Amino acid sequence: MAILPLVILFILNTSRAQTWIKAGYWYTGSEFPVPNINSALFTHLICAFAYINPSTHELFLKDSDEPYVSTFASTVKTTNPSVIPLLSIWTQNGYYGNNESSSNFLKMAENPSYRKRFIESSLKVARLHGFKGLDLYVTTLLSTKGNMTNLRPLFDELRVAVDTQNLTLTMGSHYSPENDRLSYPVDSVRRNFDWVHVRSYDYYTSLNTNITAAHSALYDPSTKVSTDYGINEWIKRGLPARKIVLGLAYHGYAWTLVDPKDSGIGAPAKGVAITRDGSVSYEYIKKYMRSYGVNSVYNNTYVINSCVIGTFWIGFDDVEAIRTKVAYAKKKGLLGYNVWQVPNDCKWELSKVAAEEGKYSHHKRFLVITLCTICFIIVLLGCIMGYLRRKITSKVKQMTHKGKSSNHNQEVLSFDDIREATNSFSEVNKLGEGGYGPVYKAYVLWKQGIGMEFIDPTLDDTFSRYKLISCMQVALLCVEENWAQRPSMLEVSAMLRNEYASMPMPRRPAFSTNKYEDEKNFGAIDEVYSVDIATISHLLPR
């Protein structure tokens, strides 16, 4: 039974481990008011970005961003007090969108004193503005020439520092842990970060391809550039699935088709459409579709949606794709999902679908775990009860066998002995019908006046035979058939002390079926004398 507490602890630990992450980025340049964020749909909200000074290697905020960043944590908690605000750190050179090189970040990681400045300033900014954790946005590291081994001491030191402040530490990464030249230090990532949210989108853009493409493909039957491939690679390299958060894109890309009739994935395109770089928010895509009366088409091979408006082809994630990807994350055992970016949603449609699908999958998973645990406990209890039952049965058998084998002096009667003693099994000798048995035999011998024949010879006392006959008479009175005629224990005591002037005569014993005989036809009772040399008394039983 000692295993039951372990099972209970397992259930509790499992329920704690099942915290489903619903995170989302808010970018300072989005012009979307922070108070308008529906923070009830998220467990974590990430403010992007703080930057690293290339000269001092310290963290700082842009002057234009500081008013928003400084109030971000308190504002999002107004709607949802349990939401956890994180501050994301941009690790590429320059500001967001200007440069994909992370050479300055790698330079800082090489020098212990630079690392110390960076870490201390990061914690200072986070504490100052009420953030509960830091997010290291290193999605372009694999595009930078540098020594990745220097990241290990940085990650180790950063982990120690955030632990002293009880902060969360996360990392934004490339969809795959490696390319042909470089790879993330997965062992250090696994050891130091609470989770890694992979950027599982922007695989293709309308700026760098002349064919339509699924920029956030969950699967791709023709190439390795897909979310499923990247997730599997992270797991294969040693990052547990429960430390991976799936990236969801609330934006798409628009291409200008060469031929509007050829509008599938991989169709020839002239270049970007709608915007300068072809990127379009989900909210704008929905408005654009409504204005032209167009519906999106779901592609379950790549798990994306697309629509064609004139010569424009737009690939994005609509409700169907988001629902499927969240279900995939659950099935894969991932920790949750992370949105880029929250302001791009349209009336919170995608966020509600993602949260609902995650909730349903979470409850279903928890139900399966609970039912399996209950079944395990039932089977365990059955096994324990079966074991105890077999043990008790075995013990009883051993005791019975021991009892039988230890009675070595028990008299063994042969069939011939029994037949002779019962006069060939005569009815008059049948037990319970006045037949063969010690009680009735004593009664018959007493009636015939030869009761001493029943007495064990070792008890025979020539000088006190009357005492033995008196005891026999008292014993027969105690087994009278009629309970009212049986003496009480007080009367028995008086009889044995010869305090009765005359004792009653016994009748037929109980359970005898013979008819009453004339109780007066008793054999003569021999007078028994006791010789007292001192007084020469003449003793008679009273």
Foldseek 3Di string as FASTA:
>chain_A
DVCVVVLVVVLVVVVVLQQFFFEFEDELPPPDDLLPFQLVLGQEYEYDAWEADLPLRATGHDPSRVVCQLCNVVNSCVNPVRHAYEHEYEQAPDGPPPGLENVSNQVLLQDPVSLVRHLVRVVVVCVNRPHQAYEYENARHQVYDDDQVSVLVSLVVNQVSSVVVNGAYEYEYELAQHDPPDGHPLVSNQVRHQAYEYAQFQCDALAPDQFAAARRFCDDPPDCNYNVNRLVNSVVVPRDQQRYAYEFEQKKFKFFAPDLVQADGGGGTDGGPDDPRRIGGNQVVVVVCVVQVWDWDADPNRLWIWTDDPRMIIIHHDLRSLLVVLVVSLVSVHNYYYYDHSVSDHVCSSSVSSSVSNVVSSVVVSVVVVVVSVVVVVVVVVVVVVVVVVVVVVVVVVVVVCVVVVPPPDDDDDPVRVCVQQVNVDPCQDPLALHVDLLSVLVVCVQAQNNVVSDDPVPDDLQPVVLVNLVSQLVLLQQAQDNVSRDDPVVSVCSNVLVDPDDDGHFDGHSHNDDGDDSVNGHDHDFGAHQDPVPRDGDGRD
